[in-house]
Amino acid sequence: MIYQRAEAIPLLNKLYAEKIPFVCFTDFLAEKAWIKPTDEIQADELRYQFPNQPATPGTSGFKNDFSFDKKPVSYANFKVAFDEVVHQLKIGNSYLTNLTFRTPVTTNLTLDEIFAQSQALYRIRYKNDFVVFSPETFVRIEKDKIYSYPMKGTIDASVPNAKDIIMEDHKEMSEHITIVDLIRNDLSQIASKVNVTKFRFISEIQTTYKKLLQVSSEIVGTLQNPRDLGNNLFSLLPAGSISGAPKNQTLEIIHNAEKESRNFFTGICGHFDGNTFDSGVMIRFIENKDGKLYFRSGGGITALSDPEKEYQEMIDKVYVQVS
């Protein structure tokens, strides 16, 4: 069931306090959340898989002959929104803005088959509305410890010396530092002893078309009120890695540049097993709108961003992840 924010926070606290396993997901702006105990979830409503949590039953198997085609927004239209964001960055209204677009896609897979086909840390298929296969952890909570893993920086692994290029790129370094600092500040609202324990490590993702390298960091803190899951979670939203900094001004820039609601895209999805709460950012997101499929993707924009590289990164992120 979908709850408004004021209803969702106490419900999350109740389930967490009573150690009742549940799954939840929120919209981008954290105005609403879907929450349900795991023993009440029916597969036709929700299928899910989280780290160390087997996928719920449903369509399985691998289609060797699957098709997946995309028709991204034109570079000219991308550039209009990009230029507006860069203008706001240059006049000081933001340091980093996450800009996303909707790409029409066609495939012979259903959303349920995409869920089964994809390989990712976090997978959600909600009704016939959307499917998510996300590589990015939002937060993990174990007792009084909170862990966050902001992901920022992507490159085609086939590029010669790709790892060295992305790790030494000044723009990518600046963007990553900004996000790490934002997440560290966000966590400091609800936790003490917040530290960056791993800075800029590489992970590989195999997509339909190519292998990508992505850069993440690990941030850890000690929760001040570990039982208050609802407020702890919602106070961190929207997630910094898919909004920007400073957050309030950047959200206004996103609204004006994207000109459409993200709804559940770039919200977060979470699973509580009775002991540990684990959650992912809902990127790598395909939605069904009136029988047509759209993939939502984008990236972080700074004043140093190259529009052609950002456009290509947005396109590269439109894929079905495979084993």
Protein backbone atom coordinates (compact mmCIF):
# COMPACT_ATOMS: atom_id res chain seq x y z
CA MET A 1 0.00 0.00 0.00
CA ILE A 2 1.18 3.54 -0.76
CA TYR A 3 1.32 5.89 2.23
CA GLN A 4 1.92 9.61 2.47
CA ARG A 5 5.12 10.65 4.23
CA ALA A 6 3.38 11.46 7.55
CA GLU A 7 1.86 7.96 7.60
CA ALA A 8 4.97 6.16 6.35
CA ILE A 9 7.37 7.33 9.07
CA PRO A 10 5.51 5.88 12.10
CA LEU A 11 4.70 2.69 10.18
CA LEU A 12 8.37 2.13 9.39
CA ASN A 13 9.23 2.73 13.05
CA LYS A 14 6.60 0.23 14.20
CA LEU A 15 7.70 -2.55 11.85
CA TYR A 16 11.35 -1.91 12.67
CA ALA A 17 10.77 -1.90 16.44
CA GLU A 18 8.76 -5.13 16.27
CA LYS A 19 11.40 -6.73 13.99
CA ILE A 20 8.80 -7.48 11.32
CA PRO A 21 10.50 -8.03 7.93
CA PHE A 22 9.23 -5.68 5.23
CA VAL A 23 9.93 -4.14 1.84
CA CYS A 24 9.46 -0.45 1.05
CA PHE A 25 10.14 2.05 -1.70
CA THR A 26 9.71 5.83 -1.93
CA ASP A 27 9.28 8.39 -4.65
CA PHE A 28 12.10 10.80 -5.53
CA LEU A 29 10.87 13.69 -3.37
CA ALA A 30 10.03 11.40 -0.41
CA GLU A 31 6.40 12.51 -0.42
CA LYS A 32 5.05 8.94 -0.44
CA ALA A 33 6.15 5.38 0.17
CA TRP A 34 4.97 1.83 -0.56
CA ILE A 35 5.41 -0.36 2.54
CA LYS A 36 4.38 -3.95 3.21
CA PRO A 37 5.48 -6.81 5.51
CA THR A 38 7.18 -9.51 3.42
CA ASP A 39 4.68 -12.20 4.44
CA GLU A 40 1.87 -10.12 2.89
CA ILE A 41 3.53 -9.47 -0.48
CA GLN A 42 2.07 -11.19 -3.52
CA ALA A 43 4.30 -11.76 -6.56
CA ASP A 44 1.78 -10.21 -8.97
CA GLU A 45 2.12 -6.94 -7.01
CA LEU A 46 5.83 -6.93 -6.20
CA ARG A 47 8.88 -9.00 -6.97
CA TYR A 48 12.15 -8.05 -5.30
CA GLN A 49 15.71 -9.07 -4.61
CA PHE A 50 18.20 -7.42 -2.29
CA PRO A 51 21.77 -8.39 -1.33
CA ASN A 52 21.72 -11.72 0.54
CA GLN A 53 17.98 -11.97 -0.17
CA PRO A 54 16.83 -14.48 -2.84
CA ALA A 55 14.55 -13.23 -5.58
CA THR A 56 10.85 -13.79 -5.03
CA PRO A 57 9.36 -16.49 -7.30
CA GLY A 58 8.13 -15.68 -10.78
CA THR A 59 9.38 -15.71 -14.35
CA SER A 60 12.86 -17.19 -14.56
CA GLY A 61 15.33 -18.27 -17.18
CA PHE A 62 17.45 -16.39 -19.71
CA LYS A 63 16.35 -15.34 -23.18
CA ASN A 64 19.33 -15.61 -25.50
CA ASP A 65 17.36 -13.99 -28.32
CA PHE A 66 16.07 -10.99 -26.40
CA SER A 67 15.96 -7.63 -28.15
CA PHE A 68 16.45 -4.19 -26.62
CA ASP A 69 16.47 -0.96 -28.63
CA LYS A 70 16.57 2.65 -27.47
CA LYS A 71 15.75 6.01 -29.02
CA PRO A 72 17.39 8.65 -26.83
CA VAL A 73 16.47 12.32 -26.79
CA SER A 74 18.29 14.29 -29.48
CA TYR A 75 21.57 15.94 -28.59
CA ALA A 76 20.00 19.32 -29.39
CA ASN A 77 17.23 18.80 -26.82
CA PHE A 78 19.72 17.43 -24.30
CA LYS A 79 21.90 20.50 -24.80
CA VAL A 80 19.04 22.90 -24.02
CA ALA A 81 18.52 21.36 -20.57
CA PHE A 82 22.27 20.92 -20.04
CA ASP A 83 22.94 24.61 -20.80
CA GLU A 84 20.24 25.70 -18.34
CA VAL A 85 21.79 23.55 -15.61
CA VAL A 86 25.32 24.82 -16.34
CA HIS A 87 24.04 28.41 -16.24
CA GLN A 88 22.62 27.79 -12.76
CA LEU A 89 25.91 26.20 -11.71
CA LYS A 90 27.98 29.14 -12.98
CA ILE A 91 25.88 31.72 -11.13
CA GLY A 92 26.32 29.76 -7.91
CA ASN A 93 22.88 28.23 -7.37
CA SER A 94 24.30 24.69 -7.33
CA TYR A 95 27.67 22.94 -7.18
CA LEU A 96 26.41 19.70 -8.72
CA THR A 97 23.08 18.87 -10.38
CA ASN A 98 21.83 15.44 -11.42
CA LEU A 99 20.14 15.80 -14.81
CA THR A 100 18.01 12.93 -16.17
CA PHE A 101 16.02 12.14 -19.29
CA ARG A 102 13.38 9.67 -20.41
CA THR A 103 14.39 7.35 -23.29
CA PRO A 104 11.76 5.33 -25.21
CA VAL A 105 12.83 1.68 -25.44
CA THR A 106 11.43 -1.37 -27.19
CA THR A 107 12.05 -4.96 -26.15
CA ASN A 108 10.54 -8.42 -26.47
CA LEU A 109 10.82 -8.78 -22.68
CA THR A 110 8.04 -8.08 -20.20
CA LEU A 111 8.85 -6.12 -17.05
CA ASP A 112 8.81 -9.42 -15.16
CA GLU A 113 11.26 -10.93 -17.64
CA ILE A 114 13.51 -7.88 -17.34
CA PHE A 115 13.48 -8.42 -13.58
CA ALA A 116 14.50 -12.06 -14.09
CA GLN A 117 17.04 -11.26 -16.82
CA SER A 118 18.86 -8.45 -15.04
CA GLN A 119 21.74 -8.87 -12.62
CA ALA A 120 22.00 -6.18 -9.94
CA LEU A 121 22.32 -5.66 -6.18
CA TYR A 122 18.79 -4.24 -5.94
CA ARG A 123 15.88 -5.38 -8.09
CA ILE A 124 12.22 -4.38 -7.88
CA ARG A 125 9.30 -5.07 -10.22
CA TYR A 126 6.13 -3.27 -9.12
CA LYS A 127 2.95 -4.51 -10.83
CA ASN A 128 3.27 -3.68 -14.52
CA ASP A 129 4.27 -0.11 -13.63
CA PHE A 130 8.06 -0.24 -13.40
CA VAL A 131 11.15 -2.40 -12.95
CA VAL A 132 14.44 -1.42 -11.30
CA PHE A 133 17.84 -3.11 -11.42
CA SER A 134 20.13 -0.84 -9.47
CA PRO A 135 23.85 -1.21 -8.67
CA GLU A 136 23.85 1.62 -6.10
CA THR A 137 23.42 1.19 -2.35
CA PHE A 138 21.66 4.04 -0.57
CA VAL A 139 22.14 3.14 3.12
CA ARG A 140 22.57 -0.04 5.11
CA ILE A 141 21.71 0.00 8.82
CA GLU A 142 23.05 -2.62 11.21
CA LYS A 143 22.13 -1.94 14.86
CA ASP A 144 23.46 1.59 15.52
CA LYS A 145 25.74 1.81 12.45
CA ILE A 146 24.73 3.39 9.14
CA TYR A 147 26.66 2.83 5.91
CA SER A 148 26.29 4.75 2.65
CA TYR A 149 27.87 4.07 -0.75
CA PRO A 150 27.44 7.04 -3.11
CA MET A 151 28.20 6.10 -6.73
CA LYS A 152 29.41 8.83 -9.03
CA GLY A 153 31.54 8.40 -12.14
CA THR A 154 31.02 6.05 -15.11
CA ILE A 155 33.23 5.06 -18.06
CA ASP A 156 33.20 2.48 -20.85
CA ALA A 157 35.56 -0.29 -19.67
CA SER A 158 36.77 -0.89 -23.25
CA VAL A 159 38.43 2.53 -23.38
CA PRO A 160 42.22 2.03 -23.15
CA ASN A 161 43.39 2.66 -19.56
CA ALA A 162 39.76 3.31 -18.57
CA LYS A 163 40.40 2.87 -14.84
CA ASP A 164 43.29 5.35 -14.83
CA ILE A 165 41.35 7.83 -16.95
CA ILE A 166 38.30 7.97 -14.69
CA MET A 167 40.32 7.98 -11.48
CA GLU A 168 42.55 10.83 -12.69
CA ASP A 169 39.86 12.92 -14.41
CA HIS A 170 39.59 16.26 -12.62
CA LYS A 171 35.90 16.72 -13.37
CA GLU A 172 35.03 13.21 -12.16
CA MET A 173 37.12 13.68 -9.02
CA SER A 174 35.45 17.03 -8.28
CA GLU A 175 31.98 15.57 -8.81
CA HIS A 176 32.69 12.57 -6.59
CA ILE A 177 34.16 14.71 -3.80
CA THR A 178 31.07 16.94 -3.89
CA ILE A 179 28.72 13.96 -3.54
CA VAL A 180 30.78 12.35 -0.77
CA ASP A 181 30.78 15.65 1.11
CA LEU A 182 27.00 16.01 0.62
CA ILE A 183 26.29 12.47 1.87
CA ARG A 184 28.64 12.95 4.80
CA ASN A 185 26.79 16.12 5.76
CA ASP A 186 23.41 14.37 5.32
CA LEU A 187 24.48 11.51 7.58
CA SER A 188 25.77 13.99 10.17
CA GLN A 189 22.16 15.12 10.72
CA ILE A 190 21.30 11.73 12.22
CA ALA A 191 24.67 10.18 13.11
CA SER A 192 27.92 10.94 14.89
CA LYS A 193 31.49 9.85 14.08
CA VAL A 194 30.76 10.05 10.34
CA ASN A 195 33.84 9.04 8.36
CA VAL A 196 34.77 8.16 4.80
CA THR A 197 36.19 4.66 5.25
CA LYS A 198 36.76 3.87 1.55
CA PHE A 199 37.28 6.61 -1.04
CA ARG A 200 36.72 6.05 -4.77
CA PHE A 201 36.79 2.34 -5.47
CA ILE A 202 35.91 0.77 -8.83
CA SER A 203 33.15 -1.75 -9.60
CA GLU A 204 32.36 -3.42 -12.95
CA ILE A 205 28.89 -3.71 -14.52
CA GLN A 206 28.18 -5.85 -17.58
CA THR A 207 25.40 -4.31 -19.66
CA THR A 208 23.59 -5.43 -22.80
CA TYR A 209 26.10 -3.66 -25.02
CA LYS A 210 29.29 -3.12 -23.05
CA LYS A 211 31.06 -3.31 -19.71
CA LEU A 212 31.06 -0.16 -17.56
CA LEU A 213 33.29 0.91 -14.69
CA GLN A 214 31.65 2.89 -11.90
CA VAL A 215 33.22 4.71 -8.96
CA SER A 216 31.88 4.56 -5.38
CA SER A 217 32.92 5.47 -1.84
CA GLU A 218 31.95 4.14 1.61
CA ILE A 219 30.80 6.43 4.44
CA VAL A 220 30.04 5.14 7.96
CA GLY A 221 28.44 6.75 11.03
CA THR A 222 26.89 5.91 14.42
CA LEU A 223 23.16 6.66 14.59
CA GLN A 224 21.99 9.03 17.33
CA ASN A 225 18.50 7.46 17.43
CA PRO A 226 18.90 3.98 15.97
CA ARG A 227 15.27 2.96 16.60
CA ASP A 228 13.85 5.88 14.60
CA LEU A 229 14.15 4.28 11.16
CA GLY A 230 11.37 6.38 9.61
CA ASN A 231 12.80 9.81 10.43
CA ASN A 232 16.37 8.63 9.87
CA LEU A 233 15.49 7.45 6.38
CA PHE A 234 13.27 10.31 5.26
CA SER A 235 15.65 12.99 6.59
CA LEU A 236 18.24 11.76 4.07
CA LEU A 237 15.90 12.01 1.08
CA PRO A 238 16.05 12.84 -1.75
CA ALA A 239 19.28 10.89 -2.08
CA GLY A 240 22.22 13.20 -2.64
CA SER A 241 23.78 11.20 -5.47
CA ILE A 242 20.74 11.68 -7.71
CA SER A 243 19.84 15.24 -6.69
CA GLY A 244 22.89 17.43 -6.00
CA ALA A 245 24.17 20.18 -3.75
CA PRO A 246 22.99 22.32 -2.11
CA LYS A 247 19.93 20.13 -2.15
CA ASN A 248 16.97 22.55 -1.96
CA GLN A 249 18.16 24.92 -4.69
CA THR A 250 19.26 21.99 -6.84
CA LEU A 251 15.84 20.34 -6.64
CA GLU A 252 14.33 23.51 -8.12
CA ILE A 253 16.89 23.47 -10.93
CA ILE A 254 16.07 19.81 -11.65
CA HIS A 255 12.35 20.59 -11.76
CA ASN A 256 12.85 23.44 -14.23
CA ALA A 257 15.31 21.55 -16.46
CA GLU A 258 13.57 18.17 -16.62
CA LYS A 259 10.03 19.59 -16.87
CA GLU A 260 8.37 16.37 -15.68
CA SER A 261 7.94 14.50 -12.42
CA ARG A 262 10.36 11.69 -11.66
CA ASN A 263 7.72 10.01 -9.46
CA PHE A 264 9.34 6.77 -8.17
CA PHE A 265 12.41 7.05 -10.42
CA THR A 266 15.44 7.89 -8.22
CA GLY A 267 13.50 7.14 -5.07
CA ILE A 268 14.91 4.42 -2.84
CA CYS A 269 13.90 0.80 -2.22
CA GLY A 270 14.57 -0.97 1.08
CA HIS A 271 14.35 -4.38 2.73
CA PHE A 272 14.38 -5.21 6.45
CA ASP A 273 15.07 -8.85 7.34
CA GLY A 274 14.38 -8.45 11.06
CA ASN A 275 17.94 -7.41 11.85
CA THR A 276 19.47 -5.36 9.02
CA PHE A 277 17.91 -2.67 6.82
CA ASP A 278 19.43 -2.46 3.34
CA SER A 279 18.39 -0.02 0.62
CA GLY A 280 19.27 0.97 -2.93
CA VAL A 281 18.79 4.05 -5.08
CA MET A 282 16.19 3.37 -7.77
CA ILE A 283 18.31 4.09 -10.82
CA ARG A 284 18.37 1.83 -13.93
CA PHE A 285 14.62 2.30 -14.06
CA ILE A 286 12.15 1.25 -16.79
CA GLU A 287 8.57 2.47 -16.50
CA ASN A 288 5.41 1.52 -18.36
CA LYS A 289 3.41 4.57 -19.40
CA ASP A 290 0.22 3.81 -21.31
CA GLY A 291 1.69 0.61 -22.75
CA LYS A 292 5.00 2.19 -23.82
CA LEU A 293 8.31 1.62 -22.06
CA TYR A 294 10.67 4.41 -21.04
CA PHE A 295 14.12 4.09 -19.49
CA ARG A 296 15.11 6.91 -17.13
CA SER A 297 18.82 7.79 -16.92
CA GLY A 298 21.21 10.68 -16.47
CA GLY A 299 24.25 11.88 -14.55
CA GLY A 300 25.82 14.54 -12.41
CA ILE A 301 26.55 17.89 -14.08
CA THR A 302 29.19 20.34 -12.87
CA ALA A 303 30.44 23.62 -14.35
CA LEU A 304 33.32 21.59 -15.85
CA SER A 305 31.10 19.02 -17.59
CA ASP A 306 31.49 18.29 -21.31
CA PRO A 307 28.00 18.12 -22.88
CA GLU A 308 28.97 15.46 -25.45
CA LYS A 309 30.44 13.19 -22.76
CA GLU A 310 27.42 13.69 -20.50
CA TYR A 311 25.07 12.92 -23.40
CA GLN A 312 26.96 9.70 -24.15
CA GLU A 313 26.96 8.70 -20.47
CA MET A 314 23.19 9.19 -20.34
CA ILE A 315 22.83 6.87 -23.36
CA ASP A 316 25.30 4.28 -22.00
CA LYS A 317 23.21 3.95 -18.86
CA VAL A 318 20.19 2.79 -20.89
CA TYR A 319 20.63 -0.99 -20.81
CA VAL A 320 19.47 -4.30 -19.42
CA GLN A 321 22.17 -5.68 -17.15
CA VAL A 322 23.08 -9.30 -17.82
CA SER A 323 25.30 -11.91 -16.15
